[in-house]
mmCIF file of all heavy atoms, coordinates in Angstrom:
data_MODEL
# 
_entry.id   MODEL 
# 
loop_
_atom_site.group_PDB 
_atom_site.id 
_atom_site.type_symbol 
_atom_site.label_atom_id 
_atom_site.label_alt_id 
_atom_site.label_comp_id 
_atom_site.label_asym_id 
_atom_site.label_entity_id 
_atom_site.label_seq_id 
_atom_site.pdbx_PDB_ins_code 
_atom_site.Cartn_x 
_atom_site.Cartn_y 
_atom_site.Cartn_z 
_atom_site.occupancy 
_atom_site.B_iso_or_equiv 
_atom_site.pdbx_formal_charge 
_atom_site.auth_seq_id 
_atom_site.auth_comp_id 
_atom_site.auth_asym_id 
_atom_site.auth_atom_id 
_atom_site.pdbx_PDB_model_num 
ATOM 1   N N   . ARG A 1 1  ? 0.869   -1.189 -0.004  1.00 0.00 ? 1  ARG A N   1 
ATOM 2   C CA  . ARG A 1 1  ? -0.003  0.006  0.007   1.00 0.00 ? 1  ARG A CA  1 
ATOM 3   C C   . ARG A 1 1  ? 0.887   1.224  0.010   1.00 0.00 ? 1  ARG A C   1 
ATOM 4   O O   . ARG A 1 1  ? 1.646   1.470  0.927   1.00 0.00 ? 1  ARG A O   1 
ATOM 5   C CB  . ARG A 1 1  ? -0.907  0.010  1.220   1.00 0.00 ? 1  ARG A CB  1 
ATOM 6   C CG  . ARG A 1 1  ? -1.856  1.233  1.278   1.00 0.00 ? 1  ARG A CG  1 
ATOM 7   C CD  . ARG A 1 1  ? -2.674  1.263  2.546   1.00 0.00 ? 1  ARG A CD  1 
ATOM 8   N NE  . ARG A 1 1  ? -3.590  0.155  2.608   1.00 0.00 ? 1  ARG A NE  1 
ATOM 9   C CZ  . ARG A 1 1  ? -4.450  -0.042 3.622   1.00 0.00 ? 1  ARG A CZ  1 
ATOM 10  N NH1 . ARG A 1 1  ? -4.456  0.791  4.642   1.00 0.00 ? 1  ARG A NH1 1 
ATOM 11  N NH2 . ARG A 1 1  ? -5.278  -1.071 3.603   1.00 0.00 ? 1  ARG A NH2 1 
ATOM 12  N N   . VAL A 1 2  ? 0.784   2.027  -1.047  1.00 0.00 ? 2  VAL A N   1 
ATOM 13  C CA  . VAL A 1 2  ? 1.653   3.200  -1.155  1.00 0.00 ? 2  VAL A CA  1 
ATOM 14  C C   . VAL A 1 2  ? 1.274   4.252  -0.133  1.00 0.00 ? 2  VAL A C   1 
ATOM 15  O O   . VAL A 1 2  ? 0.089   4.472  0.150   1.00 0.00 ? 2  VAL A O   1 
ATOM 16  C CB  . VAL A 1 2  ? 1.585   3.781  -2.598  1.00 0.00 ? 2  VAL A CB  1 
ATOM 17  C CG1 . VAL A 1 2  ? 0.189   4.232  -2.962  1.00 0.00 ? 2  VAL A CG1 1 
ATOM 18  C CG2 . VAL A 1 2  ? 2.607   4.898  -2.764  1.00 0.00 ? 2  VAL A CG2 1 
ATOM 19  N N   . THR A 1 3  ? 2.262   4.897  0.437   1.00 0.00 ? 3  THR A N   1 
ATOM 20  C CA  . THR A 1 3  ? 2.102   6.007  1.381   1.00 0.00 ? 3  THR A CA  1 
ATOM 21  C C   . THR A 1 3  ? 3.003   7.150  0.911   1.00 0.00 ? 3  THR A C   1 
ATOM 22  O O   . THR A 1 3  ? 3.894   6.957  0.096   1.00 0.00 ? 3  THR A O   1 
ATOM 23  C CB  . THR A 1 3  ? 2.488   5.590  2.784   1.00 0.00 ? 3  THR A CB  1 
ATOM 24  O OG1 . THR A 1 3  ? 3.912   5.369  2.841   1.00 0.00 ? 3  THR A OG1 1 
ATOM 25  C CG2 . THR A 1 3  ? 1.743   4.323  3.243   1.00 0.00 ? 3  THR A CG2 1 
ATOM 26  N N   . PRO A 1 4  ? 2.774   8.349  1.447   1.00 0.00 ? 4  PRO A N   1 
ATOM 27  C CA  . PRO A 1 4  ? 3.669   9.457  1.095   1.00 0.00 ? 4  PRO A CA  1 
ATOM 28  C C   . PRO A 1 4  ? 5.125   9.153  1.378   1.00 0.00 ? 4  PRO A C   1 
ATOM 29  O O   . PRO A 1 4  ? 6.037   9.582  0.629   1.00 0.00 ? 4  PRO A O   1 
ATOM 30  C CB  . PRO A 1 4  ? 3.167   10.618 1.963   1.00 0.00 ? 4  PRO A CB  1 
ATOM 31  C CG  . PRO A 1 4  ? 1.701   10.301 2.159   1.00 0.00 ? 4  PRO A CG  1 
ATOM 32  C CD  . PRO A 1 4  ? 1.627   8.804  2.282   1.00 0.00 ? 4  PRO A CD  1 
ATOM 33  N N   . ASP A 1 5  ? 5.401   8.391  2.413   1.00 0.00 ? 5  ASP A N   1 
ATOM 34  C CA  . ASP A 1 5  ? 6.784   8.069  2.761   1.00 0.00 ? 5  ASP A CA  1 
ATOM 35  C C   . ASP A 1 5  ? 7.365   6.980  1.863   1.00 0.00 ? 5  ASP A C   1 
ATOM 36  O O   . ASP A 1 5  ? 8.583   6.945  1.647   1.00 0.00 ? 5  ASP A O   1 
ATOM 37  C CB  . ASP A 1 5  ? 6.884   7.624  4.220   1.00 0.00 ? 5  ASP A CB  1 
ATOM 38  C CG  . ASP A 1 5  ? 6.585   8.762  5.188   1.00 0.00 ? 5  ASP A CG  1 
ATOM 39  O OD1 . ASP A 1 5  ? 6.795   9.931  4.818   1.00 0.00 ? 5  ASP A OD1 1 
ATOM 40  O OD2 . ASP A 1 5  ? 6.114   8.466  6.303   1.00 0.00 ? 5  ASP A OD2 1 
ATOM 41  N N   . SER A 1 6  ? 6.519   6.065  1.376   1.00 0.00 ? 6  SER A N   1 
ATOM 42  C CA  . SER A 1 6  ? 7.052   4.914  0.634   1.00 0.00 ? 6  SER A CA  1 
ATOM 43  C C   . SER A 1 6  ? 7.015   5.105  -0.876  1.00 0.00 ? 6  SER A C   1 
ATOM 44  O O   . SER A 1 6  ? 7.603   4.323  -1.607  1.00 0.00 ? 6  SER A O   1 
ATOM 45  C CB  . SER A 1 6  ? 6.254   3.660  0.983   1.00 0.00 ? 6  SER A CB  1 
ATOM 46  O OG  . SER A 1 6  ? 4.940   3.721  0.444   1.00 0.00 ? 6  SER A OG  1 
ATOM 47  N N   . SER A 1 7  ? 6.285   6.153  -1.368  1.00 0.00 ? 7  SER A N   1 
ATOM 48  C CA  . SER A 1 7  ? 6.035   6.299  -2.786  1.00 0.00 ? 7  SER A CA  1 
ATOM 49  C C   . SER A 1 7  ? 7.349   6.447  -3.569  1.00 0.00 ? 7  SER A C   1 
ATOM 50  O O   . SER A 1 7  ? 8.111   7.398  -3.401  1.00 0.00 ? 7  SER A O   1 
ATOM 51  C CB  . SER A 1 7  ? 5.122   7.502  -3.035  1.00 0.00 ? 7  SER A CB  1 
ATOM 52  O OG  . SER A 1 7  ? 4.716   7.535  -4.382  1.00 0.00 ? 7  SER A OG  1 
ATOM 53  N N   . ARG A 1 8  ? 7.595   5.484  -4.427  1.00 0.00 ? 8  ARG A N   1 
ATOM 54  C CA  . ARG A 1 8  ? 8.845   5.407  -5.177  1.00 0.00 ? 8  ARG A CA  1 
ATOM 55  C C   . ARG A 1 8  ? 8.620   5.927  -6.609  1.00 0.00 ? 8  ARG A C   1 
ATOM 56  O O   . ARG A 1 8  ? 7.569   5.722  -7.219  1.00 0.00 ? 8  ARG A O   1 
ATOM 57  C CB  . ARG A 1 8  ? 9.320   3.970  -5.250  1.00 0.00 ? 8  ARG A CB  1 
ATOM 58  C CG  . ARG A 1 8  ? 10.642  3.739  -5.953  1.00 0.00 ? 8  ARG A CG  1 
ATOM 59  C CD  . ARG A 1 8  ? 10.990  2.262  -5.976  1.00 0.00 ? 8  ARG A CD  1 
ATOM 60  N NE  . ARG A 1 8  ? 11.348  1.779  -4.646  1.00 0.00 ? 8  ARG A NE  1 
ATOM 61  C CZ  . ARG A 1 8  ? 12.610  1.774  -4.183  1.00 0.00 ? 8  ARG A CZ  1 
ATOM 62  N NH1 . ARG A 1 8  ? 13.589  2.220  -4.930  1.00 0.00 ? 8  ARG A NH1 1 
ATOM 63  N NH2 . ARG A 1 8  ? 12.843  1.316  -2.978  1.00 0.00 ? 8  ARG A NH2 1 
ATOM 64  N N   . THR A 1 9  ? 9.599   6.608  -7.155  1.00 0.00 ? 9  THR A N   1 
ATOM 65  C CA  . THR A 1 9  ? 9.513   7.141  -8.509  1.00 0.00 ? 9  THR A CA  1 
ATOM 66  C C   . THR A 1 9  ? 9.701   6.003  -9.507  1.00 0.00 ? 9  THR A C   1 
ATOM 67  O O   . THR A 1 9  ? 10.572  5.150  -9.353  1.00 0.00 ? 9  THR A O   1 
ATOM 68  C CB  . THR A 1 9  ? 10.584  8.228  -8.745  1.00 0.00 ? 9  THR A CB  1 
ATOM 69  O OG1 . THR A 1 9  ? 10.358  9.288  -7.824  1.00 0.00 ? 9  THR A OG1 1 
ATOM 70  C CG2 . THR A 1 9  ? 10.522  8.750  -10.184 1.00 0.00 ? 9  THR A CG2 1 
ATOM 71  N N   . LEU A 1 10 ? 8.855   5.990  -10.577 1.00 0.00 ? 10 LEU A N   1 
ATOM 72  C CA  . LEU A 1 10 ? 9.009   5.043  -11.656 1.00 0.00 ? 10 LEU A CA  1 
ATOM 73  C C   . LEU A 1 10 ? 10.200  5.490  -12.499 1.00 0.00 ? 10 LEU A C   1 
ATOM 74  O O   . LEU A 1 10 ? 10.245  6.648  -12.943 1.00 0.00 ? 10 LEU A O   1 
ATOM 75  C CB  . LEU A 1 10 ? 7.741   4.980  -12.503 1.00 0.00 ? 10 LEU A CB  1 
ATOM 76  C CG  . LEU A 1 10 ? 6.572   4.133  -11.972 1.00 0.00 ? 10 LEU A CG  1 
ATOM 77  C CD1 . LEU A 1 10 ? 6.017   4.668  -10.665 1.00 0.00 ? 10 LEU A CD1 1 
ATOM 78  C CD2 . LEU A 1 10 ? 5.466   4.087  -13.027 1.00 0.00 ? 10 LEU A CD2 1 
ATOM 79  N N   . GLU A 1 11 ? 11.131  4.594  -12.721 1.00 0.00 ? 11 GLU A N   1 
ATOM 80  C CA  . GLU A 1 11 ? 12.354  4.927  -13.426 1.00 0.00 ? 11 GLU A CA  1 
ATOM 81  C C   . GLU A 1 11 ? 12.615  3.965  -14.558 1.00 0.00 ? 11 GLU A C   1 
ATOM 82  O O   . GLU A 1 11 ? 12.109  2.827  -14.542 1.00 0.00 ? 11 GLU A O   1 
ATOM 83  C CB  . GLU A 1 11 ? 13.536  4.923  -12.434 1.00 0.00 ? 11 GLU A CB  1 
ATOM 84  C CG  . GLU A 1 11 ? 13.399  5.933  -11.301 1.00 0.00 ? 11 GLU A CG  1 
ATOM 85  C CD  . GLU A 1 11 ? 14.507  5.779  -10.261 1.00 0.00 ? 11 GLU A CD  1 
ATOM 86  O OE1 . GLU A 1 11 ? 15.271  4.791  -10.361 1.00 0.00 ? 11 GLU A OE1 1 
ATOM 87  O OE2 . GLU A 1 11 ? 14.589  6.635  -9.364  1.00 0.00 ? 11 GLU A OE2 1 
ATOM 88  N N   . PRO A 1 12 ? 13.432  4.341  -15.526 1.00 0.00 ? 12 PRO A N   1 
ATOM 89  C CA  . PRO A 1 12 ? 13.784  3.442  -16.613 1.00 0.00 ? 12 PRO A CA  1 
ATOM 90  C C   . PRO A 1 12 ? 14.398  2.138  -16.118 1.00 0.00 ? 12 PRO A C   1 
ATOM 91  O O   . PRO A 1 12 ? 15.095  2.127  -15.074 1.00 0.00 ? 12 PRO A O   1 
ATOM 92  C CB  . PRO A 1 12 ? 14.771  4.249  -17.446 1.00 0.00 ? 12 PRO A CB  1 
ATOM 93  C CG  . PRO A 1 12 ? 14.427  5.674  -17.174 1.00 0.00 ? 12 PRO A CG  1 
ATOM 94  C CD  . PRO A 1 12 ? 13.977  5.702  -15.737 1.00 0.00 ? 12 PRO A CD  1 
ATOM 95  N N   . ASP A 1 13 ? 14.133  1.051  -16.841 1.00 0.00 ? 13 ASP A N   1 
ATOM 96  C CA  . ASP A 1 13 ? 14.659  -0.272 -16.517 1.00 0.00 ? 13 ASP A CA  1 
ATOM 97  C C   . ASP A 1 13 ? 14.138  -0.771 -15.161 1.00 0.00 ? 13 ASP A C   1 
ATOM 98  O O   . ASP A 1 13 ? 14.861  -1.420 -14.414 1.00 0.00 ? 13 ASP A O   1 
ATOM 99  C CB  . ASP A 1 13 ? 16.193  -0.291 -16.538 1.00 0.00 ? 13 ASP A CB  1 
ATOM 100 C CG  . ASP A 1 13 ? 16.751  0.122  -17.898 1.00 0.00 ? 13 ASP A CG  1 
ATOM 101 O OD1 . ASP A 1 13 ? 16.051  -0.087 -18.905 1.00 0.00 ? 13 ASP A OD1 1 
ATOM 102 O OD2 . ASP A 1 13 ? 17.859  0.669  -17.946 1.00 0.00 ? 13 ASP A OD2 1 
ATOM 103 N N   . MET A 1 14 ? 12.899  -0.474 -14.910 1.00 0.00 ? 14 MET A N   1 
ATOM 104 C CA  . MET A 1 14 ? 12.240  -0.881 -13.675 1.00 0.00 ? 14 MET A CA  1 
ATOM 105 C C   . MET A 1 14 ? 10.936  -1.572 -14.025 1.00 0.00 ? 14 MET A C   1 
ATOM 106 O O   . MET A 1 14 ? 10.237  -1.170 -14.996 1.00 0.00 ? 14 MET A O   1 
ATOM 107 C CB  . MET A 1 14 ? 11.982  0.333  -12.795 1.00 0.00 ? 14 MET A CB  1 
ATOM 108 C CG  . MET A 1 14 ? 11.209  0.071  -11.509 1.00 0.00 ? 14 MET A CG  1 
ATOM 109 S SD  . MET A 1 14 ? 10.924  1.605  -10.566 1.00 0.00 ? 14 MET A SD  1 
ATOM 110 C CE  . MET A 1 14 ? 12.531  1.873  -9.812  1.00 0.00 ? 14 MET A CE  1 
ATOM 111 N N   . LEU A 1 15 ? 10.536  -2.596 -13.270 1.00 0.00 ? 15 LEU A N   1 
ATOM 112 C CA  . LEU A 1 15 ? 9.218   -3.171 -13.436 1.00 0.00 ? 15 LEU A CA  1 
ATOM 113 C C   . LEU A 1 15 ? 8.229   -2.443 -12.518 1.00 0.00 ? 15 LEU A C   1 
ATOM 114 O O   . LEU A 1 15 ? 8.580   -2.099 -11.382 1.00 0.00 ? 15 LEU A O   1 
ATOM 115 C CB  . LEU A 1 15 ? 9.214   -4.668 -13.089 1.00 0.00 ? 15 LEU A CB  1 
ATOM 116 C CG  . LEU A 1 15 ? 10.048  -5.610 -13.993 1.00 0.00 ? 15 LEU A CG  1 
ATOM 117 C CD1 . LEU A 1 15 ? 9.711   -7.067 -13.651 1.00 0.00 ? 15 LEU A CD1 1 
ATOM 118 C CD2 . LEU A 1 15 ? 9.794   -5.317 -15.442 1.00 0.00 ? 15 LEU A CD2 1 
ATOM 119 N N   . TYR A 1 16 ? 7.044   -2.252 -13.019 1.00 0.00 ? 16 TYR A N   1 
ATOM 120 C CA  . TYR A 1 16 ? 5.994   -1.585 -12.266 1.00 0.00 ? 16 TYR A CA  1 
ATOM 121 C C   . TYR A 1 16 ? 4.770   -2.501 -12.232 1.00 0.00 ? 16 TYR A C   1 
ATOM 122 O O   . TYR A 1 16 ? 4.277   -2.925 -13.258 1.00 0.00 ? 16 TYR A O   1 
ATOM 123 C CB  . TYR A 1 16 ? 5.630   -0.253 -12.911 1.00 0.00 ? 16 TYR A CB  1 
ATOM 124 C CG  . TYR A 1 16 ? 4.403   0.438  -12.322 1.00 0.00 ? 16 TYR A CG  1 
ATOM 125 C CD1 . TYR A 1 16 ? 4.392   0.842  -10.993 1.00 0.00 ? 16 TYR A CD1 1 
ATOM 126 C CD2 . TYR A 1 16 ? 3.301   0.678  -13.111 1.00 0.00 ? 16 TYR A CD2 1 
ATOM 127 C CE1 . TYR A 1 16 ? 3.282   1.469  -10.457 1.00 0.00 ? 16 TYR A CE1 1 
ATOM 128 C CE2 . TYR A 1 16 ? 2.154   1.304  -12.577 1.00 0.00 ? 16 TYR A CE2 1 
ATOM 129 C CZ  . TYR A 1 16 ? 2.172   1.706  -11.260 1.00 0.00 ? 16 TYR A CZ  1 
ATOM 130 O OH  . TYR A 1 16 ? 1.064   2.324  -10.725 1.00 0.00 ? 16 TYR A OH  1 
ATOM 131 N N   . LEU A 1 17 ? 4.317   -2.828 -11.006 1.00 0.00 ? 17 LEU A N   1 
ATOM 132 C CA  . LEU A 1 17 ? 3.158   -3.700 -10.833 1.00 0.00 ? 17 LEU A CA  1 
ATOM 133 C C   . LEU A 1 17 ? 1.992   -2.865 -10.336 1.00 0.00 ? 17 LEU A C   1 
ATOM 134 O O   . LEU A 1 17 ? 2.129   -2.155 -9.317  1.00 0.00 ? 17 LEU A O   1 
ATOM 135 C CB  . LEU A 1 17 ? 3.491   -4.822 -9.836  1.00 0.00 ? 17 LEU A CB  1 
ATOM 136 C CG  . LEU A 1 17 ? 2.467   -5.898 -9.589  1.00 0.00 ? 17 LEU A CG  1 
ATOM 137 C CD1 . LEU A 1 17 ? 3.133   -7.214 -9.137  1.00 0.00 ? 17 LEU A CD1 1 
ATOM 138 C CD2 . LEU A 1 17 ? 1.423   -5.496 -8.534  1.00 0.00 ? 17 LEU A CD2 1 
ATOM 139 N N   . VAL A 1 18 ? 0.873   -2.948 -11.004 1.00 0.00 ? 18 VAL A N   1 
ATOM 140 C CA  . VAL A 1 18 ? -0.313  -2.204 -10.585 1.00 0.00 ? 18 VAL A CA  1 
ATOM 141 C C   . VAL A 1 18 ? -1.507  -3.161 -10.510 1.00 0.00 ? 18 VAL A C   1 
ATOM 142 O O   . VAL A 1 18 ? -1.912  -3.759 -11.527 1.00 0.00 ? 18 VAL A O   1 
ATOM 143 C CB  . VAL A 1 18 ? -0.591  -0.993 -11.497 1.00 0.00 ? 18 VAL A CB  1 
ATOM 144 C CG1 . VAL A 1 18 ? -0.747  -1.400 -12.962 1.00 0.00 ? 18 VAL A CG1 1 
ATOM 145 C CG2 . VAL A 1 18 ? -1.818  -0.218 -11.008 1.00 0.00 ? 18 VAL A CG2 1 
ATOM 146 N N   . ASP A 1 19 ? -2.032  -3.338 -9.312  1.00 0.00 ? 19 ASP A N   1 
ATOM 147 C CA  . ASP A 1 19 ? -3.172  -4.212 -9.022  1.00 0.00 ? 19 ASP A CA  1 
ATOM 148 C C   . ASP A 1 19 ? -4.303  -3.312 -8.535  1.00 0.00 ? 19 ASP A C   1 
ATOM 149 O O   . ASP A 1 19 ? -4.161  -2.606 -7.514  1.00 0.00 ? 19 ASP A O   1 
ATOM 150 C CB  . ASP A 1 19 ? -2.750  -5.209 -7.956  1.00 0.00 ? 19 ASP A CB  1 
ATOM 151 C CG  . ASP A 1 19 ? -3.849  -6.270 -7.639  1.00 0.00 ? 19 ASP A CG  1 
ATOM 152 O OD1 . ASP A 1 19 ? -5.008  -6.065 -8.085  1.00 0.00 ? 19 ASP A OD1 1 
ATOM 153 O OD2 . ASP A 1 19 ? -3.546  -7.250 -6.959  1.00 0.00 ? 19 ASP A OD2 1 
ATOM 154 N N   . SER A 1 20 ? -5.408  -3.285 -9.262  1.00 0.00 ? 20 SER A N   1 
ATOM 155 C CA  . SER A 1 20 ? -6.479  -2.321 -8.952  1.00 0.00 ? 20 SER A CA  1 
ATOM 156 C C   . SER A 1 20 ? -7.807  -2.887 -9.370  1.00 0.00 ? 20 SER A C   1 
ATOM 157 O O   . SER A 1 20 ? -7.896  -3.921 -10.032 1.00 0.00 ? 20 SER A O   1 
ATOM 158 C CB  . SER A 1 20 ? -6.195  -1.015 -9.686  1.00 0.00 ? 20 SER A CB  1 
ATOM 159 O OG  . SER A 1 20 ? -6.333  -1.209 -11.103 1.00 0.00 ? 20 SER A OG  1 
ATOM 160 N N   . GLY A 1 21 ? -8.860  -2.207 -8.978  1.00 0.00 ? 21 GLY A N   1 
ATOM 161 C CA  . GLY A 1 21 ? -10.190 -2.635 -9.364  1.00 0.00 ? 21 GLY A CA  1 
ATOM 162 C C   . GLY A 1 21 ? -11.208 -1.539 -9.131  1.00 0.00 ? 21 GLY A C   1 
ATOM 163 O O   . GLY A 1 21 ? -10.949 -0.556 -8.451  1.00 0.00 ? 21 GLY A O   1 
ATOM 164 N N   . GLY A 1 22 ? -12.393 -1.763 -9.694  1.00 0.00 ? 22 GLY A N   1 
ATOM 165 C CA  . GLY A 1 22 ? -13.471 -0.788 -9.570  1.00 0.00 ? 22 GLY A CA  1 
ATOM 166 C C   . GLY A 1 22 ? -14.755 -1.411 -9.048  1.00 0.00 ? 22 GLY A C   1 
ATOM 167 O O   . GLY A 1 22 ? -15.010 -2.592 -9.297  1.00 0.00 ? 22 GLY A O   1 
ATOM 168 N N   . GLN A 1 23 ? -15.518 -0.597 -8.343  1.00 0.00 ? 23 GLN A N   1 
ATOM 169 C CA  . GLN A 1 23 ? -16.875 -0.970 -7.939  1.00 0.00 ? 23 GLN A CA  1 
ATOM 170 C C   . GLN A 1 23 ? -17.831 -0.219 -8.835  1.00 0.00 ? 23 GLN A C   1 
ATOM 171 O O   . GLN A 1 23 ? -17.952 1.020  -8.777  1.00 0.00 ? 23 GLN A O   1 
ATOM 172 C CB  . GLN A 1 23 ? -17.120 -0.626 -6.473  1.00 0.00 ? 23 GLN A CB  1 
ATOM 173 C CG  . GLN A 1 23 ? -16.375 -1.477 -5.459  1.00 0.00 ? 23 GLN A CG  1 
ATOM 174 C CD  . GLN A 1 23 ? -16.980 -2.876 -5.329  1.00 0.00 ? 23 GLN A CD  1 
ATOM 175 O OE1 . GLN A 1 23 ? -17.835 -3.276 -6.123  1.00 0.00 ? 23 GLN A OE1 1 
ATOM 176 N NE2 . GLN A 1 23 ? -16.494 -3.616 -4.345  1.00 0.00 ? 23 GLN A NE2 1 
ATOM 177 N N   . TYR A 1 24 ? -18.522 -0.949 -9.692  1.00 0.00 ? 24 TYR A N   1 
ATOM 178 C CA  . TYR A 1 24 ? -19.552 -0.387 -10.573 1.00 0.00 ? 24 TYR A CA  1 
ATOM 179 C C   . TYR A 1 24 ? -20.908 -0.948 -10.146 1.00 0.00 ? 24 TYR A C   1 
ATOM 180 O O   . TYR A 1 24 ? -20.985 -2.051 -9.575  1.00 0.00 ? 24 TYR A O   1 
ATOM 181 C CB  . TYR A 1 24 ? -19.269 -0.767 -12.022 1.00 0.00 ? 24 TYR A CB  1 
ATOM 182 C CG  . TYR A 1 24 ? -17.946 -0.263 -12.543 1.00 0.00 ? 24 TYR A CG  1 
ATOM 183 C CD1 . TYR A 1 24 ? -16.781 -0.992 -12.324 1.00 0.00 ? 24 TYR A CD1 1 
ATOM 184 C CD2 . TYR A 1 24 ? -17.861 0.910  -13.281 1.00 0.00 ? 24 TYR A CD2 1 
ATOM 185 C CE1 . TYR A 1 24 ? -15.555 -0.537 -12.799 1.00 0.00 ? 24 TYR A CE1 1 
ATOM 186 C CE2 . TYR A 1 24 ? -16.642 1.366  -13.777 1.00 0.00 ? 24 TYR A CE2 1 
ATOM 187 C CZ  . TYR A 1 24 ? -15.486 0.641  -13.523 1.00 0.00 ? 24 TYR A CZ  1 
ATOM 188 O OH  . TYR A 1 24 ? -14.280 1.094  -13.993 1.00 0.00 ? 24 TYR A OH  1 
ATOM 189 N N   . LEU A 1 25 ? -21.967 -0.212 -10.383 1.00 0.00 ? 25 LEU A N   1 
ATOM 190 C CA  . LEU A 1 25 ? -23.279 -0.687 -9.999  1.00 0.00 ? 25 LEU A CA  1 
ATOM 191 C C   . LEU A 1 25 ? -23.607 -2.044 -10.579 1.00 0.00 ? 25 LEU A C   1 
ATOM 192 O O   . LEU A 1 25 ? -24.387 -2.821 -10.000 1.00 0.00 ? 25 LEU A O   1 
ATOM 193 C CB  . LEU A 1 25 ? -24.355 0.327  -10.439 1.00 0.00 ? 25 LEU A CB  1 
ATOM 194 C CG  . LEU A 1 25 ? -24.482 1.602  -9.601  1.00 0.00 ? 25 LEU A CG  1 
ATOM 195 C CD1 . LEU A 1 25 ? -25.556 2.526  -10.202 1.00 0.00 ? 25 LEU A CD1 1 
ATOM 196 C CD2 . LEU A 1 25 ? -24.815 1.278  -8.147  1.00 0.00 ? 25 LEU A CD2 1 
ATOM 197 N N   . ASP A 1 26 ? -23.028 -2.370 -11.740 1.00 0.00 ? 26 ASP A N   1 
ATOM 198 C CA  . ASP A 1 26 ? -23.334 -3.645 -12.378 1.00 0.00 ? 26 ASP A CA  1 
ATOM 199 C C   . ASP A 1 26 ? -22.225 -4.667 -12.244 1.00 0.00 ? 26 ASP A C   1 
ATOM 200 O O   . ASP A 1 26 ? -22.304 -5.752 -12.825 1.00 0.00 ? 26 ASP A O   1 
ATOM 201 C CB  . ASP A 1 26 ? -23.672 -3.427 -13.853 1.00 0.00 ? 26 ASP A CB  1 
ATOM 202 C CG  . ASP A 1 26 ? -22.627 -2.616 -14.590 1.00 0.00 ? 26 ASP A CG  1 
ATOM 203 O OD1 . ASP A 1 26 ? -21.672 -2.120 -13.971 1.00 0.00 ? 26 ASP A OD1 1 
ATOM 204 O OD2 . ASP A 1 26 ? -22.766 -2.488 -15.833 1.00 0.00 ? 26 ASP A OD2 1 
# 
C-alpha cells in the first residue's frame, strides 16, 4: 500500500506492478 513516505519514482529499466479494481453498480 503506497504512502507518502514509501512512494517510489518510476524509473527506466524498472518493473511496475499495478493491481487495482473498480466498484460499478453492475
